[in-house]
Amino acid sequence: MRRGISVAPFGELSEPALVAELAAAAEAHGWDGFFVWDHVAYRDPVREIADPWITLAAVAIATERIRIGTLVTPLPRRRPHQLARETATLDRLSGGRLVLGVGIGSDGTEEFQPGRFGEEPDGRKRAVLLDEGLDRLVAYWGGEFEPRPLQQPRIPVWVAGRWPNRRPLRRAARWDGFFPIELPGPEALAEYAAEIDELRGGLDGFELIAEAEPGADPAPWEAAGATWFLPDFGPEPAALADVRAAIEAG
C-alpha cells in the first residue's frame, strides 16, 4: 500500500510555492503521492483558494518521483478540451506522474449553487456530463490533440464517490481507481472492494484510495483492500503545522 498527502489549497495553503515546498518535503520523507483539491469556490469561511493546475505545475517542478494529481476535479464544470490540454501538459511536465481524480462535484459547495456561476445544479445531470467528459478526454489524449500525454495508453483516472452510493462505484469500475469519500471505516471499504472485484472480474491494477485521520493505523485499511492511504485533514483549511507534522511522521 502506498501513502500520499492530500491537501485543500485553502487559506495559507493557497500559496503555490508553499504547497510545492510541502510536496518536496513529502517526497524526501518517503511518501508516494501528493494531491490537491480542485475548487473555484467552497463555502464559508473559506475565501482563499489556489488554482489546482498552477499549484500542481509548481509541485511537478519541485519533485521527481511522487505521483501528483487532483482529488478531485468536478469534471461537469470543466471544458473537456481545456482539461485535456492542461492534463497532457502537466503529465509531460511531471515526467508522466499525473493522476486525474474526477467526480460530479458536491452540492454542499458554492460552485453548483443556482445563480453562482451558472453550473448545472442537478447531480444526475452532472453525472451524465461526467461520463461524456471522460469519453472526450480519452479521445483528446488518444491523438485528437498533440502532444499526447507521456503515460500510455492514457493518464490514470480515479473516480470519486460518497458513501454509501453505488453508482459512482460502477462508474469507477470502468476506470483505474476509486476514491470513496466519508467512509465510516475499513469494513465499508471492504464492501466496495468486493463489489469492484465482481464488476471487473478482479482487482489487479485497480487502485482503492482510503482516507483516515492523521496518525491512524493504516493496517486495517490495507487489509480491507486499500492500495493508497491518505491522512484526512478535513474539509476546512488545514493548519500548516498539522500538514508538516504528518509529512515528517512519514
C-alpha atoms as a PDB file:
ATOM      1  CA  MET A   1       0.000   0.000   0.000  1.00  0.00           C
ATOM      2  CA  ARG A   2       1.297   3.420  -0.964  1.00  0.00           C
ATOM      3  CA  ARG A   3       0.898   6.586   1.069  1.00  0.00           C
ATOM      4  CA  GLY A   4       0.005  10.051  -0.102  1.00  0.00           C
ATOM      5  CA  ILE A   5      -0.657  13.549   1.158  1.00  0.00           C
ATOM      6  CA  SER A   6      -3.828  15.323   0.016  1.00  0.00           C
ATOM      7  CA  VAL A   7      -4.423  18.976   0.879  1.00  0.00           C
ATOM      8  CA  ALA A   8      -7.058  21.557   0.131  1.00  0.00           C
ATOM      9  CA  PRO A   9      -5.220  24.605  -1.277  1.00  0.00           C
ATOM     10  CA  PHE A  10      -7.160  26.878   1.054  1.00  0.00           C
ATOM     11  CA  GLY A  11      -6.074  29.588   3.467  1.00  0.00           C
ATOM     12  CA  GLU A  12      -2.326  29.676   3.989  1.00  0.00           C
ATOM     13  CA  LEU A  13      -2.042  26.676   1.642  1.00  0.00           C
ATOM     14  CA  SER A  14      -3.356  28.805  -1.231  1.00  0.00           C
ATOM     15  CA  GLU A  15       0.263  29.846  -1.890  1.00  0.00           C
ATOM     16  CA  PRO A  16       1.565  27.544  -4.682  1.00  0.00           C
ATOM     17  CA  ALA A  17       5.209  27.895  -3.653  1.00  0.00           C
ATOM     18  CA  LEU A  18       4.388  26.743  -0.129  1.00  0.00           C
ATOM     19  CA  VAL A  19       2.445  23.730  -1.395  1.00  0.00           C
ATOM     20  CA  ALA A  20       5.341  22.843  -3.705  1.00  0.00           C
ATOM     21  CA  GLU A  21       7.674  23.021  -0.696  1.00  0.00           C
ATOM     22  CA  LEU A  22       5.402  20.624   1.201  1.00  0.00           C
ATOM     23  CA  ALA A  23       5.353  18.239  -1.766  1.00  0.00           C
ATOM     24  CA  ALA A  24       9.146  18.239  -1.914  1.00  0.00           C
ATOM     25  CA  ALA A  25       9.250  17.501   1.806  1.00  0.00           C
ATOM     26  CA  ALA A  26       6.769  14.649   1.341  1.00  0.00           C
ATOM     27  CA  GLU A  27       8.965  13.150  -1.352  1.00  0.00           C
ATOM     28  CA  ALA A  28      12.054  13.483   0.853  1.00  0.00           C
ATOM     29  CA  HIS A  29      10.243  11.695   3.707  1.00  0.00           C
ATOM     30  CA  GLY A  30       9.314   8.738   1.530  1.00  0.00           C
ATOM     31  CA  TRP A  31       5.695   9.499   0.646  1.00  0.00           C
ATOM     32  CA  ASP A  32       4.419   8.154  -2.683  1.00  0.00           C
ATOM     33  CA  GLY A  33       1.937  10.805  -3.778  1.00  0.00           C
ATOM     34  CA  PHE A  34       0.838  14.408  -3.336  1.00  0.00           C
ATOM     35  CA  PHE A  35      -2.650  15.539  -4.294  1.00  0.00           C
ATOM     36  CA  VAL A  36      -4.693  18.749  -4.120  1.00  0.00           C
ATOM     37  CA  TRP A  37      -8.388  19.540  -4.091  1.00  0.00           C
ATOM     38  CA  ASP A  38      -9.945  21.273  -7.114  1.00  0.00           C
ATOM     39  CA  HIS A  39     -12.341  24.154  -6.316  1.00  0.00           C
ATOM     40  CA  VAL A  40     -13.044  27.656  -7.556  1.00  0.00           C
ATOM     41  CA  ALA A  41     -15.318  28.343  -4.567  1.00  0.00           C
ATOM     42  CA  TYR A  42     -16.076  26.315  -1.471  1.00  0.00           C
ATOM     43  CA  ARG A  43     -18.164  27.521   1.470  1.00  0.00           C
ATOM     44  CA  ASP A  44     -17.725  29.873   4.386  1.00  0.00           C
ATOM     45  CA  PRO A  45     -15.306  30.506   5.992  1.00  0.00           C
ATOM     46  CA  VAL A  46     -13.084  29.528   3.045  1.00  0.00           C
ATOM     47  CA  ARG A  47     -12.198  32.552   0.925  1.00  0.00           C
ATOM     48  CA  GLU A  48      -8.592  31.998  -0.199  1.00  0.00           C
ATOM     49  CA  ILE A  49      -8.331  29.235  -2.819  1.00  0.00           C
ATOM     50  CA  ALA A  50      -5.500  28.409  -5.229  1.00  0.00           C
ATOM     51  CA  ASP A  51      -5.920  27.101  -8.746  1.00  0.00           C
ATOM     52  CA  PRO A  52      -5.014  23.385  -8.624  1.00  0.00           C
ATOM     53  CA  TRP A  53      -3.333  23.174 -12.011  1.00  0.00           C
ATOM     54  CA  ILE A  54      -0.917  26.034 -11.475  1.00  0.00           C
ATOM     55  CA  THR A  55      -0.247  24.664  -7.997  1.00  0.00           C
ATOM     56  CA  LEU A  56       0.435  21.195  -9.407  1.00  0.00           C
ATOM     57  CA  ALA A  57       2.765  22.663 -12.017  1.00  0.00           C
ATOM     58  CA  ALA A  58       4.814  24.067  -9.145  1.00  0.00           C
ATOM     59  CA  VAL A  59       4.646  20.676  -7.420  1.00  0.00           C
ATOM     60  CA  ALA A  60       5.805  18.915 -10.593  1.00  0.00           C
ATOM     61  CA  ILE A  61       8.886  21.119 -10.811  1.00  0.00           C
ATOM     62  CA  ALA A  62       9.688  20.679  -7.107  1.00  0.00           C
ATOM     63  CA  THR A  63       9.505  16.854  -7.177  1.00  0.00           C
ATOM     64  CA  GLU A  64      10.894  13.991  -9.219  1.00  0.00           C
ATOM     65  CA  ARG A  65       9.311  10.730  -8.080  1.00  0.00           C
ATOM     66  CA  ILE A  66       5.932  11.017  -6.384  1.00  0.00           C
ATOM     67  CA  ARG A  67       2.561  10.732  -8.066  1.00  0.00           C
ATOM     68  CA  ILE A  68       0.663  14.021  -8.286  1.00  0.00           C
ATOM     69  CA  GLY A  69      -2.904  14.931  -9.152  1.00  0.00           C
ATOM     70  CA  THR A  70      -6.302  16.267  -8.180  1.00  0.00           C
ATOM     71  CA  LEU A  71      -8.635  14.671  -5.654  1.00  0.00           C
ATOM     72  CA  VAL A  72     -10.986  15.553  -7.128  1.00  0.00           C
ATOM     73  CA  THR A  73     -11.796  17.566 -10.248  1.00  0.00           C
ATOM     74  CA  PRO A  74     -15.542  18.166 -10.769  1.00  0.00           C
ATOM     75  CA  LEU A  75     -15.440  17.440 -14.484  1.00  0.00           C
ATOM     76  CA  PRO A  76     -19.015  18.685 -15.176  1.00  0.00           C
ATOM     77  CA  ARG A  77     -17.886  22.278 -14.567  1.00  0.00           C
ATOM     78  CA  ARG A  78     -14.793  21.902 -16.741  1.00  0.00           C
ATOM     79  CA  ARG A  79     -14.496  22.110 -20.525  1.00  0.00           C
ATOM     80  CA  PRO A  80     -13.065  18.732 -21.534  1.00  0.00           C
ATOM     81  CA  HIS A  81     -10.915  20.187 -24.307  1.00  0.00           C
ATOM     82  CA  GLN A  82      -9.295  22.671 -21.936  1.00  0.00           C
ATOM     83  CA  LEU A  83      -8.792  19.996 -19.283  1.00  0.00           C
ATOM     84  CA  ALA A  84      -7.248  17.714 -21.898  1.00  0.00           C
ATOM     85  CA  ARG A  85      -4.643  20.368 -22.710  1.00  0.00           C
ATOM     86  CA  GLU A  86      -3.935  21.067 -19.042  1.00  0.00           C
ATOM     87  CA  THR A  87      -3.574  17.426 -18.055  1.00  0.00           C
ATOM     88  CA  ALA A  88      -1.480  16.388 -21.049  1.00  0.00           C
ATOM     89  CA  THR A  89       0.843  19.338 -20.495  1.00  0.00           C
ATOM     90  CA  LEU A  90       1.159  18.614 -16.777  1.00  0.00           C
ATOM     91  CA  ASP A  91       1.744  14.918 -17.419  1.00  0.00           C
ATOM     92  CA  ARG A  92       4.627  15.802 -19.708  1.00  0.00           C
ATOM     93  CA  LEU A  93       5.993  18.410 -17.301  1.00  0.00           C
ATOM     94  CA  SER A  94       5.978  15.870 -14.453  1.00  0.00           C
ATOM     95  CA  GLY A  95       7.578  13.103 -16.483  1.00  0.00           C
ATOM     96  CA  GLY A  96       4.410  11.004 -16.590  1.00  0.00           C
ATOM     97  CA  ARG A  97       3.358  11.183 -12.923  1.00  0.00           C
ATOM     98  CA  LEU A  98      -0.140  12.654 -13.161  1.00  0.00           C
ATOM     99  CA  VAL A  99      -3.345  11.079 -11.830  1.00  0.00           C
ATOM    100  CA  LEU A 100      -6.714  12.670 -12.606  1.00  0.00           C
ATOM    101  CA  GLY A 101      -9.304  12.270  -9.881  1.00  0.00           C
ATOM    102  CA  VAL A 102     -12.829  13.082 -11.065  1.00  0.00           C
ATOM    103  CA  GLY A 103     -16.342  13.371  -9.685  1.00  0.00           C
ATOM    104  CA  ILE A 104     -19.644  15.141 -10.206  1.00  0.00           C
ATOM    105  CA  GLY A 105     -18.928  17.817  -7.596  1.00  0.00           C
ATOM    106  CA  SER A 106     -20.512  18.397  -4.224  1.00  0.00           C
ATOM    107  CA  ASP A 107     -23.888  20.052  -3.713  1.00  0.00           C
ATOM    108  CA  GLY A 108     -22.535  21.367  -0.422  1.00  0.00           C
ATOM    109  CA  THR A 109     -20.185  23.859  -2.078  1.00  0.00           C
ATOM    110  CA  GLU A 110     -20.881  27.228  -3.670  1.00  0.00           C
ATOM    111  CA  GLU A 111     -19.782  26.012  -7.097  1.00  0.00           C
ATOM    112  CA  PHE A 112     -23.083  24.395  -8.003  1.00  0.00           C
ATOM    113  CA  GLN A 113     -25.456  26.746  -6.229  1.00  0.00           C
ATOM    114  CA  PRO A 114     -28.070  28.148  -8.634  1.00  0.00           C
ATOM    115  CA  GLY A 115     -27.079  31.560  -9.891  1.00  0.00           C
ATOM    116  CA  ARG A 116     -23.497  31.451  -8.569  1.00  0.00           C
ATOM    117  CA  PHE A 117     -21.536  30.503 -11.691  1.00  0.00           C
ATOM    118  CA  GLY A 118     -24.195  29.098 -13.991  1.00  0.00           C
ATOM    119  CA  GLU A 119     -23.133  25.480 -13.399  1.00  0.00           C
ATOM    120  CA  GLU A 120     -25.580  22.574 -13.554  1.00  0.00           C
ATOM    121  CA  PRO A 121     -27.196  22.196 -10.083  1.00  0.00           C
ATOM    122  CA  ASP A 122     -28.761  18.766 -10.719  1.00  0.00           C
ATOM    123  CA  GLY A 123     -26.473  15.936  -9.626  1.00  0.00           C
ATOM    124  CA  ARG A 124     -27.941  13.378 -12.022  1.00  0.00           C
ATOM    125  CA  LYS A 125     -27.386  15.667 -14.976  1.00  0.00           C
ATOM    126  CA  ARG A 126     -23.832  16.299 -13.785  1.00  0.00           C
ATOM    127  CA  ALA A 127     -23.275  12.526 -13.741  1.00  0.00           C
ATOM    128  CA  VAL A 128     -24.159  12.420 -17.446  1.00  0.00           C
ATOM    129  CA  LEU A 129     -21.779  15.323 -18.093  1.00  0.00           C
ATOM    130  CA  LEU A 130     -19.055  13.463 -16.203  1.00  0.00           C
ATOM    131  CA  ASP A 131     -19.359  10.352 -18.369  1.00  0.00           C
ATOM    132  CA  GLU A 132     -19.474  12.400 -21.557  1.00  0.00           C
ATOM    133  CA  GLY A 133     -16.485  14.452 -20.434  1.00  0.00           C
ATOM    134  CA  LEU A 134     -14.417  11.363 -19.670  1.00  0.00           C
ATOM    135  CA  ASP A 135     -15.129   9.953 -23.117  1.00  0.00           C
ATOM    136  CA  ARG A 136     -13.983  13.206 -24.711  1.00  0.00           C
ATOM    137  CA  LEU A 137     -10.828  13.341 -22.575  1.00  0.00           C
ATOM    138  CA  VAL A 138      -9.823   9.859 -23.720  1.00  0.00           C
ATOM    139  CA  ALA A 139     -10.334  10.869 -27.339  1.00  0.00           C
ATOM    140  CA  TYR A 140      -8.239  14.014 -26.934  1.00  0.00           C
ATOM    141  CA  TRP A 141      -5.489  12.142 -25.070  1.00  0.00           C
ATOM    142  CA  GLY A 142      -5.610   9.366 -27.666  1.00  0.00           C
ATOM    143  CA  GLY A 143      -4.469  11.545 -30.538  1.00  0.00           C
ATOM    144  CA  GLU A 144      -7.087  14.180 -31.323  1.00  0.00           C
ATOM    145  CA  PHE A 145      -4.731  16.594 -29.554  1.00  0.00           C
ATOM    146  CA  GLU A 146      -0.949  16.697 -29.797  1.00  0.00           C
ATOM    147  CA  PRO A 147       1.293  16.296 -27.952  1.00  0.00           C
ATOM    148  CA  ARG A 148      -0.199  13.316 -26.216  1.00  0.00           C
ATOM    149  CA  PRO A 149       0.391  12.600 -22.519  1.00  0.00           C
ATOM    150  CA  LEU A 150       3.578  10.723 -21.708  1.00  0.00           C
ATOM    151  CA  GLN A 151       1.589   7.988 -19.973  1.00  0.00           C
ATOM    152  CA  GLN A 152       0.136   5.493 -22.380  1.00  0.00           C
ATOM    153  CA  PRO A 153      -2.466   4.372 -23.159  1.00  0.00           C
ATOM    154  CA  ARG A 154      -3.661   7.360 -21.064  1.00  0.00           C
ATOM    155  CA  ILE A 155      -3.453   9.256 -17.799  1.00  0.00           C
ATOM    156  CA  PRO A 156      -4.906   7.159 -14.931  1.00  0.00           C
ATOM    157  CA  VAL A 157      -8.412   8.196 -13.874  1.00  0.00           C
ATOM    158  CA  TRP A 158      -9.641   7.731 -10.303  1.00  0.00           C
ATOM    159  CA  VAL A 159     -13.369   8.231  -9.765  1.00  0.00           C
ATOM    160  CA  ALA A 160     -14.705   9.637  -6.500  1.00  0.00           C
ATOM    161  CA  GLY A 161     -17.936   8.699  -4.783  1.00  0.00           C
ATOM    162  CA  ARG A 162     -19.592   9.405  -1.467  1.00  0.00           C
ATOM    163  CA  TRP A 163     -20.501   6.557   0.893  1.00  0.00           C
ATOM    164  CA  PRO A 164     -22.827   4.640   0.596  1.00  0.00           C
ATOM    165  CA  ASN A 165     -23.659   5.489  -3.055  1.00  0.00           C
ATOM    166  CA  ARG A 166     -23.146   2.685  -5.566  1.00  0.00           C
ATOM    167  CA  ARG A 167     -23.484   4.471  -8.903  1.00  0.00           C
ATOM    168  CA  PRO A 168     -20.030   6.067  -8.636  1.00  0.00           C
ATOM    169  CA  LEU A 169     -18.681   2.626  -7.777  1.00  0.00           C
ATOM    170  CA  ARG A 170     -19.985   1.191 -11.036  1.00  0.00           C
ATOM    171  CA  ARG A 171     -18.511   4.143 -12.921  1.00  0.00           C
ATOM    172  CA  ALA A 172     -15.140   3.717 -11.195  1.00  0.00           C
ATOM    173  CA  ALA A 173     -15.012   0.038 -12.147  1.00  0.00           C
ATOM    174  CA  ARG A 174     -14.660   1.137 -15.783  1.00  0.00           C
ATOM    175  CA  TRP A 175     -11.598   3.246 -14.998  1.00  0.00           C
ATOM    176  CA  ASP A 176      -8.429   2.932 -12.913  1.00  0.00           C
ATOM    177  CA  GLY A 177      -9.313   3.647  -9.300  1.00  0.00           C
ATOM    178  CA  PHE A 178     -11.961   4.546  -6.756  1.00  0.00           C
ATOM    179  CA  PHE A 179     -11.745   7.267  -4.124  1.00  0.00           C
ATOM    180  CA  PRO A 180     -14.648   6.811  -1.671  1.00  0.00           C
ATOM    181  CA  ILE A 181     -15.375   9.842   0.492  1.00  0.00           C
ATOM    182  CA  GLU A 182     -16.636   9.806   4.087  1.00  0.00           C
ATOM    183  CA  LEU A 183     -16.193   6.080   4.634  1.00  0.00           C
ATOM    184  CA  PRO A 184     -17.273   5.075   8.154  1.00  0.00           C
ATOM    185  CA  GLY A 185     -14.450   2.545   8.465  1.00  0.00           C
ATOM    186  CA  PRO A 186     -12.394  -0.205   6.796  1.00  0.00           C
ATOM    187  CA  GLU A 187     -15.403  -2.543   6.686  1.00  0.00           C
ATOM    188  CA  ALA A 188     -17.109  -0.182   4.248  1.00  0.00           C
ATOM    189  CA  LEU A 189     -14.040  -0.157   2.032  1.00  0.00           C
ATOM    190  CA  ALA A 190     -14.002  -3.954   2.063  1.00  0.00           C
ATOM    191  CA  GLU A 191     -17.614  -3.923   0.821  1.00  0.00           C
ATOM    192  CA  TYR A 192     -16.642  -1.663  -2.040  1.00  0.00           C
ATOM    193  CA  ALA A 193     -13.595  -3.783  -2.852  1.00  0.00           C
ATOM    194  CA  ALA A 194     -15.714  -6.930  -3.107  1.00  0.00           C
ATOM    195  CA  GLU A 195     -18.195  -5.216  -5.420  1.00  0.00           C
ATOM    196  CA  ILE A 196     -15.481  -3.821  -7.677  1.00  0.00           C
ATOM    197  CA  ASP A 197     -13.828  -7.234  -7.790  1.00  0.00           C
ATOM    198  CA  GLU A 198     -17.098  -8.703  -9.047  1.00  0.00           C
ATOM    199  CA  LEU A 199     -17.712  -5.906 -11.555  1.00  0.00           C
ATOM    200  CA  ARG A 200     -14.213  -6.041 -13.014  1.00  0.00           C
ATOM    201  CA  GLY A 201     -13.525  -9.728 -12.622  1.00  0.00           C
ATOM    202  CA  GLY A 202     -10.521  -8.931 -10.425  1.00  0.00           C
ATOM    203  CA  LEU A 203      -8.721  -6.065  -8.766  1.00  0.00           C
ATOM    204  CA  ASP A 204      -5.345  -6.339 -10.496  1.00  0.00           C
ATOM    205  CA  GLY A 205      -4.072  -2.875 -11.395  1.00  0.00           C
ATOM    206  CA  PHE A 206      -7.030  -1.117  -9.773  1.00  0.00           C
ATOM    207  CA  GLU A 207      -6.429   1.497  -7.083  1.00  0.00           C
ATOM    208  CA  LEU A 208      -8.558   1.846  -3.935  1.00  0.00           C
ATOM    209  CA  ILE A 209      -7.853   5.047  -2.020  1.00  0.00           C
ATOM    210  CA  ALA A 210      -8.618   5.321   1.703  1.00  0.00           C
ATOM    211  CA  GLU A 211      -8.569   8.364   3.977  1.00  0.00           C
ATOM    212  CA  ALA A 212      -8.357   8.436   7.768  1.00  0.00           C
ATOM    213  CA  GLU A 213      -7.368  10.960  10.407  1.00  0.00           C
ATOM    214  CA  PRO A 214      -3.626  11.702  10.651  1.00  0.00           C
ATOM    215  CA  GLY A 215      -1.882   9.159  12.841  1.00  0.00           C
ATOM    216  CA  ALA A 216      -4.487   6.432  12.276  1.00  0.00           C
ATOM    217  CA  ASP A 217      -3.254   2.863  11.869  1.00  0.00           C
ATOM    218  CA  PRO A 218      -3.225   2.104   8.128  1.00  0.00           C
ATOM    219  CA  ALA A 219      -3.104  -1.689   8.608  1.00  0.00           C
ATOM    220  CA  PRO A 220      -6.898  -2.250   8.818  1.00  0.00           C
ATOM    221  CA  TRP A 221      -7.368  -0.227   5.648  1.00  0.00           C
ATOM    222  CA  GLU A 222      -4.722  -2.213   3.809  1.00  0.00           C
ATOM    223  CA  ALA A 223      -6.374  -5.434   4.966  1.00  0.00           C
ATOM    224  CA  ALA A 224      -9.680  -4.108   3.586  1.00  0.00           C
ATOM    225  CA  GLY A 225      -8.130  -3.649   0.130  1.00  0.00           C
ATOM    226  CA  ALA A 226      -6.723  -0.117   0.108  1.00  0.00           C
ATOM    227  CA  THR A 227      -3.821   0.408  -2.264  1.00  0.00           C
ATOM    228  CA  TRP A 228      -3.374   4.056  -1.207  1.00  0.00           C
ATOM    229  CA  PHE A 229      -3.703   5.601   2.256  1.00  0.00           C
ATOM    230  CA  LEU A 230      -4.086   9.359   2.813  1.00  0.00           C
ATOM    231  CA  PRO A 231      -4.264  11.375   6.040  1.00  0.00           C
ATOM    232  CA  ASP A 232      -7.553  13.286   6.094  1.00  0.00           C
ATOM    233  CA  PHE A 233      -7.027  16.882   7.235  1.00  0.00           C
ATOM    234  CA  GLY A 234     -10.745  17.677   6.995  1.00  0.00           C
ATOM    235  CA  PRO A 235     -12.846  19.956   4.793  1.00  0.00           C
ATOM    236  CA  GLU A 236     -11.713  23.280   6.242  1.00  0.00           C
ATOM    237  CA  PRO A 237      -8.310  24.922   5.707  1.00  0.00           C
ATOM    238  CA  ALA A 238      -5.695  22.626   7.229  1.00  0.00           C
ATOM    239  CA  ALA A 239      -3.166  24.089   9.630  1.00  0.00           C
ATOM    240  CA  LEU A 240       0.251  24.205   8.020  1.00  0.00           C
ATOM    241  CA  ALA A 241       1.798  22.793  11.205  1.00  0.00           C
ATOM    242  CA  ASP A 242      -0.524  19.757  11.054  1.00  0.00           C
ATOM    243  CA  VAL A 243       0.407  19.013   7.445  1.00  0.00           C
ATOM    244  CA  ARG A 244       4.114  19.385   8.170  1.00  0.00           C
ATOM    245  CA  ALA A 245       3.813  17.085  11.186  1.00  0.00           C
ATOM    246  CA  ALA A 246       2.054  14.393   9.138  1.00  0.00           C
ATOM    247  CA  ILE A 247       4.675  14.609   6.405  1.00  0.00           C
ATOM    248  CA  GLU A 248       7.573  14.398   8.831  1.00  0.00           C
ATOM    249  CA  ALA A 249       5.964  11.455  10.641  1.00  0.00           C
ATOM    250  CA  GLY A 250       6.363   9.506   7.411  1.00  0.00           C
END
